[in-house]
């Protein structure tokens, strides 16, 4: 059963994403917004895909406040984690945001919040995992 890591600072979004991923996608779900913990889970091979909030408020790495874009850049720059699919989720859905966030982060996908099409959410993650494992 594939494992999805949710990197999110809003407890309601964590609950919603977890429920969708477990019930519709039959995924195992891990949650963290602690960068060191995220890097450890990914480094230990515990994660098949990541759902990454763009606007994190509590995440710190090496003494610096970091957002989901920066964490994605860190993961994509590391040979051990660069191939793990990362889907950005954000309420920032202005025209051009999708392209800008994907280009600057190196993420593999983008979904705007609120997530209203639960099956599409699961399908995107499933496709990315399949492509990565294929």
C-alpha atoms as a PDB file:
ATOM      1  CA  UNK A   1       0.000   0.000   0.000  1.00  0.00           C
ATOM      2  CA  UNK A   2       1.608   3.325  -1.035  1.00  0.00           C
ATOM      3  CA  UNK A   3       2.308   5.943   1.620  1.00  0.00           C
ATOM      4  CA  UNK A   4       1.539   9.627   1.165  1.00  0.00           C
ATOM      5  CA  UNK A   5       3.141  12.262   3.380  1.00  0.00           C
ATOM      6  CA  UNK A   6       0.973  15.299   4.042  1.00  0.00           C
ATOM      7  CA  UNK A   7       2.980  18.456   4.782  1.00  0.00           C
ATOM      8  CA  UNK A   8       0.334  20.873   6.034  1.00  0.00           C
ATOM      9  CA  UNK A   9      -0.100  23.290   8.946  1.00  0.00           C
ATOM     10  CA  UNK A  10      -3.907  23.458   9.068  1.00  0.00           C
ATOM     11  CA  UNK A  11      -5.422  20.669  11.227  1.00  0.00           C
ATOM     12  CA  UNK A  12      -8.704  20.736   9.287  1.00  0.00           C
ATOM     13  CA  UNK A  13      -6.915  20.272   5.965  1.00  0.00           C
ATOM     14  CA  UNK A  14      -4.856  17.464   7.493  1.00  0.00           C
ATOM     15  CA  UNK A  15      -8.042  15.666   8.559  1.00  0.00           C
ATOM     16  CA  UNK A  16      -9.748  16.195   5.181  1.00  0.00           C
ATOM     17  CA  UNK A  17      -6.716  15.106   3.120  1.00  0.00           C
ATOM     18  CA  UNK A  18      -6.104  12.088   5.376  1.00  0.00           C
ATOM     19  CA  UNK A  19      -9.713  10.943   5.086  1.00  0.00           C
ATOM     20  CA  UNK A  20      -9.760  11.357   1.286  1.00  0.00           C
ATOM     21  CA  UNK A  21      -6.427   9.572   0.801  1.00  0.00           C
ATOM     22  CA  UNK A  22      -7.260   6.672   3.123  1.00  0.00           C
ATOM     23  CA  UNK A  23     -10.866   6.083   2.056  1.00  0.00           C
ATOM     24  CA  UNK A  24     -10.740   6.842  -1.674  1.00  0.00           C
ATOM     25  CA  UNK A  25      -7.115   6.037  -2.420  1.00  0.00           C
ATOM     26  CA  UNK A  26      -6.452   3.274   0.077  1.00  0.00           C
ATOM     27  CA  UNK A  27      -3.171   4.996   0.968  1.00  0.00           C
ATOM     28  CA  UNK A  28      -1.222   4.914   4.183  1.00  0.00           C
ATOM     29  CA  UNK A  29      -0.871   8.505   5.405  1.00  0.00           C
ATOM     30  CA  UNK A  30       1.881  10.235   7.379  1.00  0.00           C
ATOM     31  CA  UNK A  31       1.724  13.891   8.455  1.00  0.00           C
ATOM     32  CA  UNK A  32       4.430  16.359   9.441  1.00  0.00           C
ATOM     33  CA  UNK A  33       5.464  19.952   8.967  1.00  0.00           C
ATOM     34  CA  UNK A  34       8.823  19.444  10.714  1.00  0.00           C
ATOM     35  CA  UNK A  35      11.469  19.652   7.999  1.00  0.00           C
ATOM     36  CA  UNK A  36      14.009  17.382   9.704  1.00  0.00           C
ATOM     37  CA  UNK A  37      11.316  14.744  10.278  1.00  0.00           C
ATOM     38  CA  UNK A  38      10.189  15.046   6.639  1.00  0.00           C
ATOM     39  CA  UNK A  39      13.777  14.546   5.427  1.00  0.00           C
ATOM     40  CA  UNK A  40      14.183  11.514   7.722  1.00  0.00           C
ATOM     41  CA  UNK A  41      10.941   9.858   6.546  1.00  0.00           C
ATOM     42  CA  UNK A  42      11.844  10.439   2.912  1.00  0.00           C
ATOM     43  CA  UNK A  43      15.442   9.312   3.447  1.00  0.00           C
ATOM     44  CA  UNK A  44      14.269   6.078   5.077  1.00  0.00           C
ATOM     45  CA  UNK A  45      12.091   5.254   2.069  1.00  0.00           C
ATOM     46  CA  UNK A  46       8.830   5.578   4.006  1.00  0.00           C
ATOM     47  CA  UNK A  47       7.173   7.908   1.474  1.00  0.00           C
ATOM     48  CA  UNK A  48       5.834   7.236  -2.049  1.00  0.00           C
ATOM     49  CA  UNK A  49       4.377  10.728  -2.642  1.00  0.00           C
ATOM     50  CA  UNK A  50       4.061  14.062  -0.855  1.00  0.00           C
ATOM     51  CA  UNK A  51       1.147  16.479  -0.638  1.00  0.00           C
ATOM     52  CA  UNK A  52       2.857  19.811   0.111  1.00  0.00           C
ATOM     53  CA  UNK A  53       1.111  22.951   1.358  1.00  0.00           C
ATOM     54  CA  UNK A  54       2.745  26.002  -0.214  1.00  0.00           C
ATOM     55  CA  UNK A  55       2.128  28.408   2.670  1.00  0.00           C
ATOM     56  CA  UNK A  56       3.496  26.789   5.807  1.00  0.00           C
ATOM     57  CA  UNK A  57       3.703  29.001   8.885  1.00  0.00           C
ATOM     58  CA  UNK A  58       5.517  26.801  11.412  1.00  0.00           C
ATOM     59  CA  UNK A  59       8.240  25.064   9.422  1.00  0.00           C
ATOM     60  CA  UNK A  60      11.863  25.876  10.168  1.00  0.00           C
ATOM     61  CA  UNK A  61      15.019  24.453   8.598  1.00  0.00           C
ATOM     62  CA  UNK A  62      18.553  25.307   9.706  1.00  0.00           C
ATOM     63  CA  UNK A  63      17.209  28.237  11.729  1.00  0.00           C
ATOM     64  CA  UNK A  64      15.244  29.715   8.823  1.00  0.00           C
ATOM     65  CA  UNK A  65      11.492  29.829   8.341  1.00  0.00           C
ATOM     66  CA  UNK A  66      10.639  27.831   5.200  1.00  0.00           C
ATOM     67  CA  UNK A  67       7.531  27.364   3.089  1.00  0.00           C
ATOM     68  CA  UNK A  68       6.416  24.426   0.956  1.00  0.00           C
ATOM     69  CA  UNK A  69       8.251  25.774  -2.078  1.00  0.00           C
ATOM     70  CA  UNK A  70      11.574  25.782  -0.206  1.00  0.00           C
ATOM     71  CA  UNK A  71      10.993  22.297   1.271  1.00  0.00           C
ATOM     72  CA  UNK A  72      10.171  21.010  -2.216  1.00  0.00           C
ATOM     73  CA  UNK A  73      13.381  22.580  -3.566  1.00  0.00           C
ATOM     74  CA  UNK A  74      15.379  20.877  -0.790  1.00  0.00           C
ATOM     75  CA  UNK A  75      13.787  17.493  -1.582  1.00  0.00           C
ATOM     76  CA  UNK A  76      14.199  17.852  -5.353  1.00  0.00           C
ATOM     77  CA  UNK A  77      17.870  18.867  -4.967  1.00  0.00           C
ATOM     78  CA  UNK A  78      18.668  15.674  -3.014  1.00  0.00           C
ATOM     79  CA  UNK A  79      19.471  12.593  -5.161  1.00  0.00           C
ATOM     80  CA  UNK A  80      17.790  10.369  -2.543  1.00  0.00           C
ATOM     81  CA  UNK A  81      14.455  12.200  -2.733  1.00  0.00           C
ATOM     82  CA  UNK A  82      14.332  13.952  -6.110  1.00  0.00           C
ATOM     83  CA  UNK A  83      12.176  11.242  -7.704  1.00  0.00           C
ATOM     84  CA  UNK A  84       9.451  11.251  -5.051  1.00  0.00           C
ATOM     85  CA  UNK A  85       6.376  12.897  -6.585  1.00  0.00           C
ATOM     86  CA  UNK A  86       5.340  16.121  -4.846  1.00  0.00           C
ATOM     87  CA  UNK A  87       1.936  17.736  -5.359  1.00  0.00           C
ATOM     88  CA  UNK A  88       1.623  21.323  -4.206  1.00  0.00           C
ATOM     89  CA  UNK A  89      -1.692  22.296  -2.616  1.00  0.00           C
ATOM     90  CA  UNK A  90      -2.492  25.928  -2.072  1.00  0.00           C
ATOM     91  CA  UNK A  91      -5.233  28.474  -1.738  1.00  0.00           C
ATOM     92  CA  UNK A  92      -3.107  30.728  -3.971  1.00  0.00           C
ATOM     93  CA  UNK A  93      -4.955  30.138  -7.204  1.00  0.00           C
ATOM     94  CA  UNK A  94      -4.520  33.364  -9.122  1.00  0.00           C
ATOM     95  CA  UNK A  95      -3.746  33.173 -12.820  1.00  0.00           C
ATOM     96  CA  UNK A  96      -0.091  32.274 -13.252  1.00  0.00           C
ATOM     97  CA  UNK A  97       0.388  30.917  -9.700  1.00  0.00           C
ATOM     98  CA  UNK A  98       0.321  27.272 -10.841  1.00  0.00           C
ATOM     99  CA  UNK A  99       3.039  27.761 -13.438  1.00  0.00           C
ATOM    100  CA  UNK A 100       5.118  29.966 -11.148  1.00  0.00           C
ATOM    101  CA  UNK A 101       4.955  27.557  -8.187  1.00  0.00           C
ATOM    102  CA  UNK A 102       5.717  24.498 -10.325  1.00  0.00           C
ATOM    103  CA  UNK A 103       8.643  26.200 -12.063  1.00  0.00           C
ATOM    104  CA  UNK A 104      10.222  27.580  -8.891  1.00  0.00           C
ATOM    105  CA  UNK A 105       9.757  24.460  -6.753  1.00  0.00           C
ATOM    106  CA  UNK A 106      10.305  21.602  -9.184  1.00  0.00           C
ATOM    107  CA  UNK A 107       7.113  19.933  -7.916  1.00  0.00           C
ATOM    108  CA  UNK A 108       5.313  17.350 -10.022  1.00  0.00           C
ATOM    109  CA  UNK A 109       1.753  18.608  -9.650  1.00  0.00           C
ATOM    110  CA  UNK A 110      -0.484  21.368  -8.335  1.00  0.00           C
ATOM    111  CA  UNK A 111      -3.970  21.339  -6.814  1.00  0.00           C
ATOM    112  CA  UNK A 112      -5.790  24.423  -5.598  1.00  0.00           C
ATOM    113  CA  UNK A 113      -7.612  24.508  -2.267  1.00  0.00           C
ATOM    114  CA  UNK A 114     -10.243  23.833  -1.308  1.00  0.00           C
ATOM    115  CA  UNK A 115     -10.051  20.354  -2.793  1.00  0.00           C
ATOM    116  CA  UNK A 116     -13.562  19.818  -4.115  1.00  0.00           C
ATOM    117  CA  UNK A 117     -13.048  16.917  -6.526  1.00  0.00           C
ATOM    118  CA  UNK A 118     -11.833  14.227  -4.151  1.00  0.00           C
ATOM    119  CA  UNK A 119     -11.494  11.553  -6.823  1.00  0.00           C
ATOM    120  CA  UNK A 120      -9.400  13.832  -9.033  1.00  0.00           C
ATOM    121  CA  UNK A 121      -7.147  14.549  -6.015  1.00  0.00           C
ATOM    122  CA  UNK A 122      -6.614  10.815  -5.446  1.00  0.00           C
ATOM    123  CA  UNK A 123      -6.229  10.102  -9.174  1.00  0.00           C
ATOM    124  CA  UNK A 124      -3.468  12.712  -9.581  1.00  0.00           C
ATOM    125  CA  UNK A 125      -1.480  11.239  -6.699  1.00  0.00           C
ATOM    126  CA  UNK A 126      -2.058   7.674  -7.915  1.00  0.00           C
ATOM    127  CA  UNK A 127      -0.857   8.592 -11.433  1.00  0.00           C
ATOM    128  CA  UNK A 128       2.298  10.277 -10.111  1.00  0.00           C
ATOM    129  CA  UNK A 129       3.156   7.270  -7.942  1.00  0.00           C
ATOM    130  CA  UNK A 130       2.569   4.909 -10.894  1.00  0.00           C
ATOM    131  CA  UNK A 131       4.779   7.019 -13.164  1.00  0.00           C
ATOM    132  CA  UNK A 132       7.516   7.081 -10.539  1.00  0.00           C
ATOM    133  CA  UNK A 133       7.385   3.325  -9.937  1.00  0.00           C
ATOM    134  CA  UNK A 134       6.902   2.462 -13.632  1.00  0.00           C
END
